[in-house]
Amino acid sequence: MSWRTLSSFRASVPAKRLLDVDLWTLIVPLLLPRTPRRFRHQGRKPLDKRVALTGILFVLKSGIPWEMQPAELGCCGLTCCRRLCDWRQAGVWEQLNATVLYEPRRREQLDLSRAVVDSSSALAILGRGAGPNPTDRRNAGSKHHVITDAQGVPMASIVTGASTTDVTHLLPLVDVVPAIGSELGAPRGRPQRAQSDRAYGPQAHRQAFAKRGLKSGRTR
């Protein structure tokens, strides 16, 4: 994308909230508290958490570079990038994932009788841990491994280099599914059965699945 195209795209983006009130109410308790400001030489006021999260979501959803984030959003893209890294190191996203999954399970809308595992590759020229993509002329890319419930609701994901073999990440993906709380009983995270395509080699993991109380299967 040329500089002129990016500039016109930036100018045309409306400054609007990407977070509704209900979702923000769930997220705000998980975010890191602000560092107390010094009495003297206070410097700049810290960026509002909701504005920072809105900027993060906008960049991740649109795919534009951080430095090209529209000024209408009220924050600097590089500041949002640093905030994203801080929250990742603090485990905010893992806590958020478990919190968001709580509501559909409470409403009995989360089907844990079966889980489906699959992956997709994406271009990631400057991404950390990116590897040569064997399906894209060995261009640098990443691979997203995702596990969902029986209805396709995402429960956990792992990002690796594009050259990573799927079979090595089936068990780690199952293990990172959070324990989802519910008013109906004890927290539960693992489904009764996990299904994947041949690339993940579910049959080879039968013994490990049995230790976890799971059954394995193949989707195609």
N, C-alpha and C. Protein backbone atom coordinates (compact mmCIF):
# COMPACT_ATOMS: atom_id res chain seq x y z
N MET A 1 0.85 -1.19 0.00
CA MET A 1 0.00 0.00 0.00
C MET A 1 0.89 1.25 0.00
N SER A 2 0.61 2.18 -0.88
CA SER A 2 1.43 3.38 -1.00
C SER A 2 1.13 4.35 0.14
N TRP A 3 2.06 5.33 0.32
CA TRP A 3 1.88 6.34 1.35
C TRP A 3 0.63 7.17 1.09
N ARG A 4 0.38 7.49 -0.19
CA ARG A 4 -0.79 8.29 -0.52
C ARG A 4 -2.09 7.55 -0.19
N THR A 5 -2.11 6.24 -0.48
CA THR A 5 -3.30 5.44 -0.17
C THR A 5 -3.54 5.38 1.32
N LEU A 6 -2.45 5.18 2.10
CA LEU A 6 -2.57 5.13 3.55
C LEU A 6 -3.06 6.46 4.10
N SER A 7 -2.55 7.55 3.53
CA SER A 7 -2.95 8.88 4.01
C SER A 7 -4.43 9.12 3.78
N SER A 8 -4.92 8.76 2.59
CA SER A 8 -6.33 8.96 2.30
C SER A 8 -7.20 8.06 3.16
N PHE A 9 -6.69 6.84 3.44
CA PHE A 9 -7.44 5.92 4.30
C PHE A 9 -7.53 6.50 5.71
N ARG A 10 -6.41 7.04 6.18
CA ARG A 10 -6.38 7.61 7.52
C ARG A 10 -7.34 8.79 7.64
N ALA A 11 -7.42 9.61 6.61
CA ALA A 11 -8.28 10.78 6.67
C ALA A 11 -9.76 10.41 6.61
N SER A 12 -10.06 9.24 6.03
CA SER A 12 -11.46 8.86 5.86
C SER A 12 -12.01 8.04 7.01
N VAL A 13 -11.14 7.64 7.95
CA VAL A 13 -11.60 6.78 9.04
C VAL A 13 -12.37 7.59 10.06
N PRO A 14 -13.60 7.21 10.38
CA PRO A 14 -14.35 7.93 11.41
C PRO A 14 -13.83 7.60 12.79
N ALA A 15 -13.82 8.58 13.66
CA ALA A 15 -13.40 8.36 15.05
C ALA A 15 -14.60 7.87 15.84
N LYS A 16 -14.72 6.56 16.01
CA LYS A 16 -15.85 6.01 16.73
C LYS A 16 -15.37 4.91 17.67
N ARG A 17 -16.13 4.69 18.69
CA ARG A 17 -15.79 3.68 19.68
C ARG A 17 -16.00 2.28 19.12
N LEU A 18 -15.06 1.41 19.42
CA LEU A 18 -15.18 0.02 19.02
C LEU A 18 -15.61 -0.85 20.19
N LEU A 19 -15.83 -0.26 21.36
CA LEU A 19 -16.22 -1.00 22.56
C LEU A 19 -17.58 -0.51 23.05
N ASP A 20 -18.50 -1.44 23.22
CA ASP A 20 -19.77 -1.02 23.82
C ASP A 20 -19.63 -1.01 25.34
N VAL A 21 -20.61 -0.46 26.01
CA VAL A 21 -20.53 -0.26 27.46
C VAL A 21 -20.46 -1.59 28.20
N ASP A 22 -21.23 -2.58 27.79
CA ASP A 22 -21.26 -3.86 28.49
C ASP A 22 -19.91 -4.57 28.42
N LEU A 23 -19.30 -4.56 27.24
CA LEU A 23 -18.01 -5.21 27.10
C LEU A 23 -16.94 -4.46 27.88
N TRP A 24 -16.97 -3.13 27.84
CA TRP A 24 -15.99 -2.35 28.58
C TRP A 24 -16.12 -2.59 30.09
N THR A 25 -17.32 -2.76 30.58
CA THR A 25 -17.53 -3.03 32.00
C THR A 25 -16.86 -4.33 32.42
N LEU A 26 -16.85 -5.33 31.54
CA LEU A 26 -16.18 -6.60 31.83
C LEU A 26 -14.66 -6.46 31.81
N ILE A 27 -14.15 -5.62 30.92
CA ILE A 27 -12.72 -5.55 30.69
C ILE A 27 -12.00 -4.68 31.71
N VAL A 28 -12.58 -3.56 32.10
CA VAL A 28 -11.87 -2.55 32.88
C VAL A 28 -11.28 -3.07 34.19
N PRO A 29 -11.93 -4.01 34.93
CA PRO A 29 -11.30 -4.47 36.17
C PRO A 29 -10.00 -5.26 35.94
N LEU A 30 -9.79 -5.77 34.72
CA LEU A 30 -8.63 -6.61 34.45
C LEU A 30 -7.41 -5.79 34.04
N LEU A 31 -7.60 -4.55 33.65
CA LEU A 31 -6.50 -3.76 33.15
C LEU A 31 -5.61 -3.27 34.29
N LEU A 32 -4.34 -3.08 33.99
CA LEU A 32 -3.38 -2.68 35.01
C LEU A 32 -3.75 -1.31 35.59
N PRO A 33 -3.59 -1.13 36.90
CA PRO A 33 -3.87 0.20 37.48
C PRO A 33 -2.84 1.21 37.01
N ARG A 34 -3.23 2.45 36.98
CA ARG A 34 -2.32 3.50 36.55
C ARG A 34 -1.21 3.71 37.58
N THR A 35 -0.03 4.01 37.09
CA THR A 35 1.08 4.34 37.97
C THR A 35 0.85 5.72 38.58
N PRO A 36 0.95 5.86 39.92
CA PRO A 36 0.73 7.18 40.53
C PRO A 36 1.67 8.23 39.95
N ARG A 37 1.13 9.40 39.68
CA ARG A 37 1.94 10.48 39.11
C ARG A 37 2.77 11.13 40.21
N ARG A 38 3.93 11.60 39.83
CA ARG A 38 4.80 12.29 40.76
C ARG A 38 4.21 13.66 41.12
N PHE A 39 4.54 14.12 42.34
CA PHE A 39 4.02 15.42 42.76
C PHE A 39 4.64 16.55 41.94
N ARG A 40 5.93 16.44 41.67
CA ARG A 40 6.62 17.42 40.83
C ARG A 40 7.04 16.74 39.54
N HIS A 41 7.15 17.54 38.48
CA HIS A 41 7.56 17.04 37.17
C HIS A 41 6.68 15.85 36.76
N GLN A 42 5.39 16.09 36.75
CA GLN A 42 4.45 15.00 36.48
C GLN A 42 4.51 14.48 35.05
N GLY A 43 4.94 15.33 34.11
CA GLY A 43 4.98 14.89 32.73
C GLY A 43 3.58 14.81 32.13
N ARG A 44 3.46 14.05 31.06
CA ARG A 44 2.16 13.93 30.39
C ARG A 44 1.18 13.12 31.22
N LYS A 45 -0.10 13.45 31.07
CA LYS A 45 -1.13 12.66 31.72
C LYS A 45 -1.19 11.28 31.06
N PRO A 46 -1.39 10.23 31.85
CA PRO A 46 -1.46 8.88 31.27
C PRO A 46 -2.64 8.74 30.32
N LEU A 47 -2.46 7.91 29.31
CA LEU A 47 -3.50 7.70 28.32
C LEU A 47 -4.68 6.95 28.94
N ASP A 48 -5.88 7.42 28.66
CA ASP A 48 -7.09 6.77 29.15
C ASP A 48 -7.13 5.32 28.67
N LYS A 49 -7.50 4.41 29.58
CA LYS A 49 -7.47 2.98 29.25
C LYS A 49 -8.42 2.63 28.11
N ARG A 50 -9.59 3.22 28.13
CA ARG A 50 -10.56 2.90 27.08
C ARG A 50 -10.09 3.43 25.73
N VAL A 51 -9.50 4.59 25.72
CA VAL A 51 -8.96 5.13 24.47
C VAL A 51 -7.84 4.25 23.96
N ALA A 52 -6.96 3.79 24.87
CA ALA A 52 -5.85 2.92 24.47
C ALA A 52 -6.37 1.60 23.90
N LEU A 53 -7.35 1.01 24.56
CA LEU A 53 -7.89 -0.27 24.08
C LEU A 53 -8.61 -0.10 22.75
N THR A 54 -9.30 1.03 22.58
CA THR A 54 -9.95 1.31 21.30
C THR A 54 -8.92 1.41 20.18
N GLY A 55 -7.81 2.11 20.46
CA GLY A 55 -6.75 2.22 19.46
C GLY A 55 -6.14 0.88 19.12
N ILE A 56 -5.95 0.02 20.12
CA ILE A 56 -5.40 -1.32 19.89
C ILE A 56 -6.34 -2.14 19.01
N LEU A 57 -7.62 -2.12 19.34
CA LEU A 57 -8.59 -2.89 18.56
C LEU A 57 -8.68 -2.37 17.13
N PHE A 58 -8.57 -1.05 16.97
CA PHE A 58 -8.66 -0.49 15.62
C PHE A 58 -7.50 -0.98 14.75
N VAL A 59 -6.30 -0.93 15.28
CA VAL A 59 -5.13 -1.36 14.49
C VAL A 59 -5.19 -2.85 14.20
N LEU A 60 -5.53 -3.67 15.20
CA LEU A 60 -5.59 -5.11 14.98
C LEU A 60 -6.69 -5.49 14.00
N LYS A 61 -7.78 -4.73 14.00
CA LYS A 61 -8.89 -5.04 13.11
C LYS A 61 -8.64 -4.55 11.68
N SER A 62 -8.02 -3.37 11.55
CA SER A 62 -7.81 -2.79 10.22
C SER A 62 -6.52 -3.27 9.57
N GLY A 63 -5.51 -3.64 10.40
CA GLY A 63 -4.25 -4.11 9.84
C GLY A 63 -3.29 -3.01 9.43
N ILE A 64 -3.58 -1.74 9.74
CA ILE A 64 -2.68 -0.65 9.37
C ILE A 64 -1.50 -0.61 10.34
N PRO A 65 -0.37 0.02 9.97
CA PRO A 65 0.76 0.17 10.88
C PRO A 65 0.39 1.01 12.09
N TRP A 66 1.06 0.77 13.20
CA TRP A 66 0.77 1.52 14.42
C TRP A 66 0.95 3.02 14.22
N GLU A 67 2.01 3.39 13.50
CA GLU A 67 2.28 4.82 13.34
C GLU A 67 1.28 5.51 12.43
N MET A 68 0.43 4.75 11.73
CA MET A 68 -0.59 5.34 10.86
C MET A 68 -1.97 5.39 11.52
N GLN A 69 -2.03 5.15 12.80
CA GLN A 69 -3.31 5.19 13.50
C GLN A 69 -3.91 6.59 13.42
N PRO A 70 -5.19 6.72 13.08
CA PRO A 70 -5.81 8.05 12.91
C PRO A 70 -5.79 8.86 14.20
N ALA A 71 -5.50 10.14 14.07
CA ALA A 71 -5.48 11.02 15.24
C ALA A 71 -6.87 11.19 15.83
N GLU A 72 -7.92 10.93 15.03
CA GLU A 72 -9.29 11.08 15.52
C GLU A 72 -9.61 10.14 16.68
N LEU A 73 -8.84 9.08 16.84
CA LEU A 73 -9.08 8.15 17.93
C LEU A 73 -8.57 8.68 19.26
N GLY A 74 -7.78 9.76 19.22
CA GLY A 74 -7.35 10.41 20.45
C GLY A 74 -6.15 9.80 21.12
N CYS A 75 -5.37 8.98 20.40
CA CYS A 75 -4.19 8.37 21.00
C CYS A 75 -3.13 8.13 19.94
N CYS A 76 -1.89 8.00 20.40
CA CYS A 76 -0.76 7.72 19.52
C CYS A 76 -0.66 6.21 19.31
N GLY A 77 -0.46 5.80 18.07
CA GLY A 77 -0.40 4.38 17.77
C GLY A 77 0.73 3.66 18.50
N LEU A 78 1.90 4.29 18.59
CA LEU A 78 3.03 3.65 19.26
C LEU A 78 2.78 3.52 20.76
N THR A 79 2.07 4.49 21.34
CA THR A 79 1.69 4.37 22.75
C THR A 79 0.75 3.20 22.96
N CYS A 80 -0.21 3.02 22.05
CA CYS A 80 -1.12 1.88 22.13
C CYS A 80 -0.36 0.57 21.99
N CYS A 81 0.65 0.56 21.13
CA CYS A 81 1.46 -0.65 20.93
C CYS A 81 2.18 -1.01 22.23
N ARG A 82 2.75 -0.01 22.90
CA ARG A 82 3.43 -0.27 24.18
C ARG A 82 2.44 -0.76 25.23
N ARG A 83 1.24 -0.18 25.24
CA ARG A 83 0.23 -0.62 26.20
C ARG A 83 -0.18 -2.07 25.92
N LEU A 84 -0.27 -2.43 24.64
CA LEU A 84 -0.59 -3.81 24.26
C LEU A 84 0.45 -4.77 24.82
N CYS A 85 1.73 -4.42 24.71
CA CYS A 85 2.81 -5.28 25.21
C CYS A 85 2.77 -5.37 26.74
N ASP A 86 2.51 -4.25 27.40
CA ASP A 86 2.43 -4.25 28.87
C ASP A 86 1.32 -5.16 29.35
N TRP A 87 0.15 -5.08 28.72
CA TRP A 87 -0.98 -5.90 29.13
C TRP A 87 -0.73 -7.37 28.81
N ARG A 88 -0.02 -7.64 27.72
CA ARG A 88 0.29 -9.03 27.40
C ARG A 88 1.21 -9.64 28.45
N GLN A 89 2.24 -8.91 28.85
CA GLN A 89 3.17 -9.41 29.85
C GLN A 89 2.50 -9.61 31.21
N ALA A 90 1.48 -8.83 31.48
CA ALA A 90 0.76 -8.95 32.76
C ALA A 90 -0.33 -10.02 32.72
N GLY A 91 -0.50 -10.69 31.59
CA GLY A 91 -1.51 -11.75 31.49
C GLY A 91 -2.94 -11.26 31.37
N VAL A 92 -3.09 -9.99 30.96
CA VAL A 92 -4.44 -9.42 30.87
C VAL A 92 -5.29 -10.14 29.85
N TRP A 93 -4.72 -10.50 28.71
CA TRP A 93 -5.52 -11.09 27.63
C TRP A 93 -6.02 -12.48 28.01
N GLU A 94 -5.20 -13.25 28.75
CA GLU A 94 -5.65 -14.57 29.20
C GLU A 94 -6.82 -14.44 30.17
N GLN A 95 -6.72 -13.48 31.09
CA GLN A 95 -7.82 -13.24 32.03
C GLN A 95 -9.07 -12.75 31.30
N LEU A 96 -8.87 -11.91 30.31
CA LEU A 96 -10.00 -11.39 29.54
C LEU A 96 -10.70 -12.52 28.79
N ASN A 97 -9.92 -13.43 28.23
CA ASN A 97 -10.50 -14.56 27.50
C ASN A 97 -11.41 -15.38 28.40
N ALA A 98 -10.93 -15.70 29.62
CA ALA A 98 -11.74 -16.48 30.54
C ALA A 98 -12.98 -15.71 30.99
N THR A 99 -12.85 -14.40 31.17
CA THR A 99 -13.98 -13.57 31.60
C THR A 99 -15.06 -13.50 30.54
N VAL A 100 -14.65 -13.32 29.29
CA VAL A 100 -15.62 -13.21 28.19
C VAL A 100 -16.34 -14.54 27.97
N LEU A 101 -15.64 -15.68 28.18
CA LEU A 101 -16.27 -16.98 27.98
C LEU A 101 -17.25 -17.35 29.10
N TYR A 102 -17.15 -16.65 30.22
CA TYR A 102 -18.02 -16.96 31.35
C TYR A 102 -19.50 -16.74 31.00
N GLU A 103 -19.79 -15.63 30.32
CA GLU A 103 -21.18 -15.28 30.05
C GLU A 103 -21.89 -16.30 29.17
N PRO A 104 -21.32 -16.74 28.01
CA PRO A 104 -22.03 -17.75 27.22
C PRO A 104 -22.19 -19.09 27.95
N ARG A 105 -21.22 -19.44 28.82
CA ARG A 105 -21.41 -20.69 29.56
C ARG A 105 -22.52 -20.54 30.60
N ARG A 106 -22.61 -19.36 31.24
CA ARG A 106 -23.67 -19.12 32.21
C ARG A 106 -25.04 -19.24 31.55
N ARG A 107 -25.12 -18.81 30.29
CA ARG A 107 -26.38 -18.88 29.56
C ARG A 107 -26.57 -20.22 28.85
N GLU A 108 -25.67 -21.16 29.09
CA GLU A 108 -25.71 -22.48 28.45
C GLU A 108 -25.61 -22.37 26.93
N GLN A 109 -24.83 -21.38 26.46
CA GLN A 109 -24.62 -21.20 25.03
C GLN A 109 -23.24 -21.69 24.58
N LEU A 110 -22.47 -22.26 25.50
CA LEU A 110 -21.15 -22.77 25.18
C LEU A 110 -21.22 -24.30 25.18
N ASP A 111 -20.97 -24.90 24.02
CA ASP A 111 -21.09 -26.35 23.87
C ASP A 111 -19.71 -26.99 24.01
N LEU A 112 -19.43 -27.55 25.20
CA LEU A 112 -18.13 -28.18 25.46
C LEU A 112 -18.16 -29.69 25.25
N SER A 113 -19.20 -30.18 24.59
CA SER A 113 -19.23 -31.61 24.29
C SER A 113 -18.19 -31.98 23.23
N ARG A 114 -17.77 -30.99 22.46
CA ARG A 114 -16.79 -31.24 21.39
C ARG A 114 -16.06 -29.94 21.09
N ALA A 115 -14.77 -30.05 20.80
CA ALA A 115 -13.98 -28.89 20.39
C ALA A 115 -13.36 -29.18 19.03
N VAL A 116 -13.14 -28.13 18.25
CA VAL A 116 -12.56 -28.26 16.92
C VAL A 116 -11.28 -27.44 16.87
N VAL A 117 -10.22 -28.04 16.32
CA VAL A 117 -8.90 -27.40 16.25
C VAL A 117 -8.51 -27.23 14.79
N ASP A 118 -8.01 -26.05 14.44
CA ASP A 118 -7.52 -25.82 13.08
C ASP A 118 -6.54 -24.66 13.11
N SER A 119 -5.90 -24.39 11.98
CA SER A 119 -4.92 -23.31 11.91
C SER A 119 -5.03 -22.59 10.57
N SER A 120 -4.51 -21.37 10.53
CA SER A 120 -4.44 -20.60 9.30
C SER A 120 -3.15 -19.79 9.31
N SER A 121 -2.61 -19.52 8.15
CA SER A 121 -1.35 -18.78 8.02
C SER A 121 -1.62 -17.36 7.57
N ALA A 122 -0.76 -16.45 8.01
CA ALA A 122 -0.90 -15.04 7.64
C ALA A 122 0.48 -14.45 7.41
N LEU A 123 0.54 -13.44 6.56
CA LEU A 123 1.80 -12.76 6.28
C LEU A 123 2.22 -11.95 7.50
N ALA A 124 3.47 -12.09 7.92
CA ALA A 124 3.99 -11.37 9.09
C ALA A 124 5.47 -11.07 8.84
N ILE A 125 5.72 -10.04 8.04
CA ILE A 125 7.08 -9.74 7.63
C ILE A 125 7.96 -9.37 8.81
N LEU A 126 7.43 -8.57 9.73
CA LEU A 126 8.23 -8.08 10.85
C LEU A 126 7.79 -8.70 12.17
N GLY A 127 6.93 -9.69 12.14
CA GLY A 127 6.43 -10.26 13.37
C GLY A 127 7.48 -11.04 14.13
N ARG A 128 7.42 -10.97 15.46
CA ARG A 128 8.35 -11.72 16.29
C ARG A 128 8.04 -13.21 16.20
N GLY A 129 9.05 -14.01 15.92
CA GLY A 129 8.87 -15.45 15.82
C GLY A 129 8.32 -15.91 14.48
N ALA A 130 8.21 -15.00 13.51
CA ALA A 130 7.72 -15.39 12.18
C ALA A 130 8.70 -16.33 11.52
N GLY A 131 8.16 -17.21 10.69
CA GLY A 131 9.01 -18.16 9.99
C GLY A 131 8.62 -18.26 8.53
N PRO A 132 9.45 -18.89 7.70
CA PRO A 132 9.15 -19.01 6.27
C PRO A 132 7.90 -19.85 6.03
N ASN A 133 6.99 -19.31 5.24
CA ASN A 133 5.74 -19.99 4.96
C ASN A 133 5.92 -20.93 3.76
N PRO A 134 5.82 -22.25 3.95
CA PRO A 134 6.03 -23.18 2.84
C PRO A 134 4.96 -23.11 1.76
N THR A 135 3.83 -22.47 2.05
CA THR A 135 2.75 -22.36 1.06
C THR A 135 2.71 -21.00 0.39
N ASP A 136 3.63 -20.10 0.75
CA ASP A 136 3.65 -18.75 0.18
C ASP A 136 5.07 -18.36 -0.24
N ARG A 137 5.69 -19.21 -1.01
CA ARG A 137 7.04 -18.95 -1.54
C ARG A 137 8.03 -18.60 -0.44
N ARG A 138 7.82 -19.21 0.74
CA ARG A 138 8.71 -19.04 1.90
C ARG A 138 8.79 -17.60 2.38
N ASN A 139 7.77 -16.80 2.09
CA ASN A 139 7.71 -15.47 2.68
C ASN A 139 7.47 -15.58 4.19
N ALA A 140 8.01 -14.63 4.95
CA ALA A 140 7.87 -14.67 6.40
C ALA A 140 6.40 -14.57 6.78
N GLY A 141 5.98 -15.43 7.68
CA GLY A 141 4.59 -15.41 8.11
C GLY A 141 4.41 -16.07 9.46
N SER A 142 3.19 -16.04 9.95
CA SER A 142 2.86 -16.67 11.22
C SER A 142 1.68 -17.62 11.01
N LYS A 143 1.52 -18.52 11.95
CA LYS A 143 0.42 -19.48 11.90
C LYS A 143 -0.40 -19.35 13.17
N HIS A 144 -1.72 -19.25 13.01
CA HIS A 144 -2.63 -19.09 14.13
C HIS A 144 -3.35 -20.41 14.38
N HIS A 145 -3.09 -21.04 15.50
CA HIS A 145 -3.76 -22.27 15.91
C HIS A 145 -4.90 -21.90 16.84
N VAL A 146 -6.11 -22.34 16.52
CA VAL A 146 -7.30 -21.94 17.27
C VAL A 146 -8.11 -23.17 17.66
N ILE A 147 -8.63 -23.16 18.88
CA ILE A 147 -9.54 -24.20 19.33
C ILE A 147 -10.87 -23.54 19.69
N THR A 148 -11.96 -24.09 19.19
CA THR A 148 -13.30 -23.55 19.42
C THR A 148 -14.19 -24.61 20.05
N ASP A 149 -15.34 -24.16 20.56
CA ASP A 149 -16.31 -25.13 21.05
C ASP A 149 -17.05 -25.72 19.85
N ALA A 150 -18.05 -26.55 20.11
CA ALA A 150 -18.75 -27.24 19.02
C ALA A 150 -19.48 -26.28 18.09
N GLN A 151 -19.77 -25.05 18.56
CA GLN A 151 -20.49 -24.08 17.74
C GLN A 151 -19.58 -23.05 17.09
N GLY A 152 -18.26 -23.19 17.29
CA GLY A 152 -17.32 -22.26 16.66
C GLY A 152 -16.94 -21.07 17.51
N VAL A 153 -17.26 -21.07 18.80
CA VAL A 153 -16.86 -19.98 19.68
C VAL A 153 -15.39 -20.15 20.06
N PRO A 154 -14.50 -19.20 19.74
CA PRO A 154 -13.07 -19.36 20.05
C PRO A 154 -12.84 -19.44 21.56
N MET A 155 -12.02 -20.42 21.99
CA MET A 155 -11.71 -20.58 23.41
C MET A 155 -10.24 -20.30 23.73
N ALA A 156 -9.35 -20.55 22.78
CA ALA A 156 -7.92 -20.31 23.01
C ALA A 156 -7.20 -20.31 21.67
N SER A 157 -6.02 -19.72 21.64
CA SER A 157 -5.23 -19.68 20.41
C SER A 157 -3.75 -19.62 20.76
N ILE A 158 -2.93 -20.05 19.81
CA ILE A 158 -1.48 -19.98 19.92
C ILE A 158 -0.94 -19.48 18.58
N VAL A 159 0.01 -18.57 18.61
CA VAL A 159 0.63 -18.04 17.40
C VAL A 159 2.06 -18.56 17.31
N THR A 160 2.40 -19.15 16.16
CA THR A 160 3.74 -19.67 15.93
C THR A 160 4.24 -19.20 14.56
N GLY A 161 5.46 -19.55 14.23
CA GLY A 161 5.97 -19.29 12.89
C GLY A 161 5.21 -20.11 11.86
N ALA A 162 5.16 -19.61 10.63
CA ALA A 162 4.36 -20.28 9.60
C ALA A 162 4.88 -21.67 9.25
N SER A 163 6.16 -21.95 9.52
CA SER A 163 6.75 -23.24 9.18
C SER A 163 6.55 -24.28 10.28
N THR A 164 5.89 -23.92 11.37
CA THR A 164 5.68 -24.84 12.49
C THR A 164 4.74 -25.96 12.08
N THR A 165 5.07 -27.19 12.50
CA THR A 165 4.23 -28.34 12.21
C THR A 165 3.01 -28.34 13.13
N ASP A 166 1.84 -28.54 12.57
CA ASP A 166 0.60 -28.49 13.36
C ASP A 166 0.58 -29.53 14.47
N VAL A 167 1.11 -30.72 14.21
CA VAL A 167 0.98 -31.82 15.16
C VAL A 167 1.64 -31.52 16.49
N THR A 168 2.64 -30.63 16.51
CA THR A 168 3.35 -30.32 17.75
C THR A 168 2.58 -29.36 18.64
N HIS A 169 1.46 -28.81 18.16
CA HIS A 169 0.75 -27.80 18.95
C HIS A 169 -0.68 -28.18 19.28
N LEU A 170 -1.04 -29.42 19.06
CA LEU A 170 -2.39 -29.84 19.43
C LEU A 170 -2.56 -29.90 20.94
N LEU A 171 -1.66 -30.58 21.63
CA LEU A 171 -1.76 -30.68 23.09
C LEU A 171 -1.56 -29.34 23.79
N PRO A 172 -0.53 -28.53 23.39
CA PRO A 172 -0.41 -27.20 24.02
C PRO A 172 -1.66 -26.35 23.84
N LEU A 173 -2.32 -26.48 22.69
CA LEU A 173 -3.54 -25.69 22.45
C LEU A 173 -4.67 -26.13 23.37
N VAL A 174 -4.81 -27.43 23.56
CA VAL A 174 -5.84 -27.94 24.48
C VAL A 174 -5.54 -27.50 25.90
N ASP A 175 -4.26 -27.48 26.27
CA ASP A 175 -3.88 -27.16 27.65
C ASP A 175 -4.09 -25.69 28.01
N VAL A 176 -4.11 -24.78 27.02
CA VAL A 176 -4.27 -23.36 27.34
C VAL A 176 -5.72 -22.92 27.36
N VAL A 177 -6.66 -23.83 27.12
CA VAL A 177 -8.08 -23.48 27.25
C VAL A 177 -8.34 -23.12 28.70
N PRO A 178 -8.85 -21.95 29.01
CA PRO A 178 -9.02 -21.54 30.41
C PRO A 178 -10.14 -22.30 31.10
N ALA A 179 -10.04 -22.37 32.42
CA ALA A 179 -11.14 -22.92 33.23
C ALA A 179 -12.25 -21.88 33.27
N ILE A 180 -13.38 -22.20 32.68
CA ILE A 180 -14.48 -21.24 32.52
C ILE A 180 -15.45 -21.40 33.67
N GLY A 181 -15.58 -20.36 34.47
CA GLY A 181 -16.49 -20.40 35.61
C GLY A 181 -17.94 -20.38 35.18
N SER A 182 -18.81 -20.78 36.10
CA SER A 182 -20.24 -20.80 35.80
C SER A 182 -21.02 -20.86 37.10
N GLU A 183 -22.23 -20.32 37.07
CA GLU A 183 -23.12 -20.44 38.22
C GLU A 183 -23.71 -21.84 38.30
N LEU A 184 -23.53 -22.63 37.24
CA LEU A 184 -24.15 -23.95 37.18
C LEU A 184 -23.30 -25.03 37.82
N GLY A 185 -22.03 -24.74 38.13
CA GLY A 185 -21.18 -25.77 38.72
C GLY A 185 -19.74 -25.31 38.77
N ALA A 186 -18.85 -26.27 38.91
CA ALA A 186 -17.42 -25.98 39.03
C ALA A 186 -16.88 -25.46 37.70
N PRO A 187 -15.79 -24.66 37.74
CA PRO A 187 -15.18 -24.19 36.49
C PRO A 187 -14.80 -25.36 35.59
N ARG A 188 -15.00 -25.17 34.31
CA ARG A 188 -14.70 -26.23 33.35
C ARG A 188 -14.06 -25.60 32.14
N GLY A 189 -13.01 -26.25 31.62
CA GLY A 189 -12.35 -25.71 30.47
C GLY A 189 -12.21 -26.70 29.33
N ARG A 190 -11.87 -27.92 29.68
CA ARG A 190 -11.63 -28.89 28.62
C ARG A 190 -12.92 -29.52 28.12
N PRO A 191 -13.05 -29.64 26.81
CA PRO A 191 -14.24 -30.29 26.24
C PRO A 191 -14.14 -31.80 26.40
N GLN A 192 -15.21 -32.49 26.06
CA GLN A 192 -15.23 -33.95 26.17
C GLN A 192 -14.46 -34.61 25.03
N ARG A 193 -14.44 -33.96 23.89
CA ARG A 193 -13.79 -34.54 22.71
C ARG A 193 -13.14 -33.42 21.91
N ALA A 194 -11.98 -33.69 21.33
CA ALA A 194 -11.29 -32.72 20.48
C ALA A 194 -11.12 -33.31 19.08
N GLN A 195 -11.51 -32.55 18.07
CA GLN A 195 -11.42 -33.01 16.69
C GLN A 195 -10.53 -32.06 15.89
N SER A 196 -9.78 -32.62 14.97
CA SER A 196 -8.90 -31.82 14.11
C SER A 196 -8.70 -32.57 12.81
N ASP A 197 -8.06 -31.89 11.85
CA ASP A 197 -7.78 -32.56 10.59
C ASP A 197 -6.51 -33.40 10.72
N ARG A 198 -6.12 -34.03 9.63
CA ARG A 198 -5.01 -34.97 9.65
C ARG A 198 -3.68 -34.31 10.02
N ALA A 199 -3.53 -33.02 9.73
CA ALA A 199 -2.26 -32.33 10.00
C ALA A 199 -1.91 -32.34 11.49
N TYR A 200 -2.94 -32.34 12.35
CA TYR A 200 -2.69 -32.35 13.79
C TYR A 200 -2.48 -33.75 14.34
N GLY A 201 -2.72 -34.77 13.52
CA GLY A 201 -2.47 -36.14 13.96
C GLY A 201 -3.17 -36.51 15.24
N PRO A 202 -4.51 -36.35 15.33
CA PRO A 202 -5.19 -36.62 16.59
C PRO A 202 -5.02 -38.06 17.07
N GLN A 203 -4.88 -39.00 16.14
CA GLN A 203 -4.74 -40.40 16.54
C GLN A 203 -3.44 -40.62 17.31
N ALA A 204 -2.39 -39.86 16.96
CA ALA A 204 -1.11 -40.01 17.64
C ALA A 204 -1.14 -39.50 19.07
N HIS A 205 -2.16 -38.73 19.43
CA HIS A 205 -2.25 -38.15 20.76
C HIS A 205 -3.28 -38.86 21.63
N ARG A 206 -3.70 -40.04 21.23
CA ARG A 206 -4.77 -40.71 21.96
C ARG A 206 -4.41 -40.95 23.42
N GLN A 207 -3.18 -41.41 23.68
CA GLN A 207 -2.78 -41.70 25.05
C GLN A 207 -2.75 -40.43 25.90
N ALA A 208 -2.18 -39.36 25.33
CA ALA A 208 -2.13 -38.09 26.06
C ALA A 208 -3.53 -37.54 26.26
N PHE A 209 -4.42 -37.73 25.28
CA PHE A 209 -5.80 -37.27 25.43
C PHE A 209 -6.51 -38.04 26.54
N ALA A 210 -6.24 -39.34 26.62
CA ALA A 210 -6.90 -40.15 27.64
C ALA A 210 -6.51 -39.68 29.04
N LYS A 211 -5.25 -39.27 29.23
CA LYS A 211 -4.81 -38.77 30.54
C LYS A 211 -5.53 -37.48 30.89
N ARG A 212 -5.97 -36.74 29.88
CA ARG A 212 -6.68 -35.48 30.11
C ARG A 212 -8.19 -35.67 30.13
N GLY A 213 -8.64 -36.91 30.01
CA GLY A 213 -10.07 -37.17 30.02
C GLY A 213 -10.75 -36.81 28.72
N LEU A 214 -10.02 -36.85 27.61
CA LEU A 214 -10.55 -36.44 26.31
C LEU A 214 -10.58 -37.62 25.34
N LYS A 215 -11.41 -37.49 24.34
CA LYS A 215 -11.41 -38.40 23.21
C LYS A 215 -10.95 -37.64 21.99
N SER A 216 -10.28 -38.31 21.07
CA SER A 216 -9.78 -37.65 19.86
C SER A 216 -10.58 -38.09 18.66
N GLY A 217 -10.60 -37.23 17.65
CA GLY A 217 -11.29 -37.54 16.42
C GLY A 217 -10.76 -36.72 15.27
N ARG A 218 -11.15 -37.04 14.06
CA ARG A 218 -10.68 -36.36 12.87
C ARG A 218 -11.87 -35.74 12.16
N THR A 219 -11.70 -34.47 11.76
CA THR A 219 -12.79 -33.78 11.07
C THR A 219 -12.83 -34.09 9.59
N ARG A 220 -11.66 -34.33 9.01
CA ARG A 220 -11.62 -34.67 7.58
C ARG A 220 -10.32 -35.34 7.24
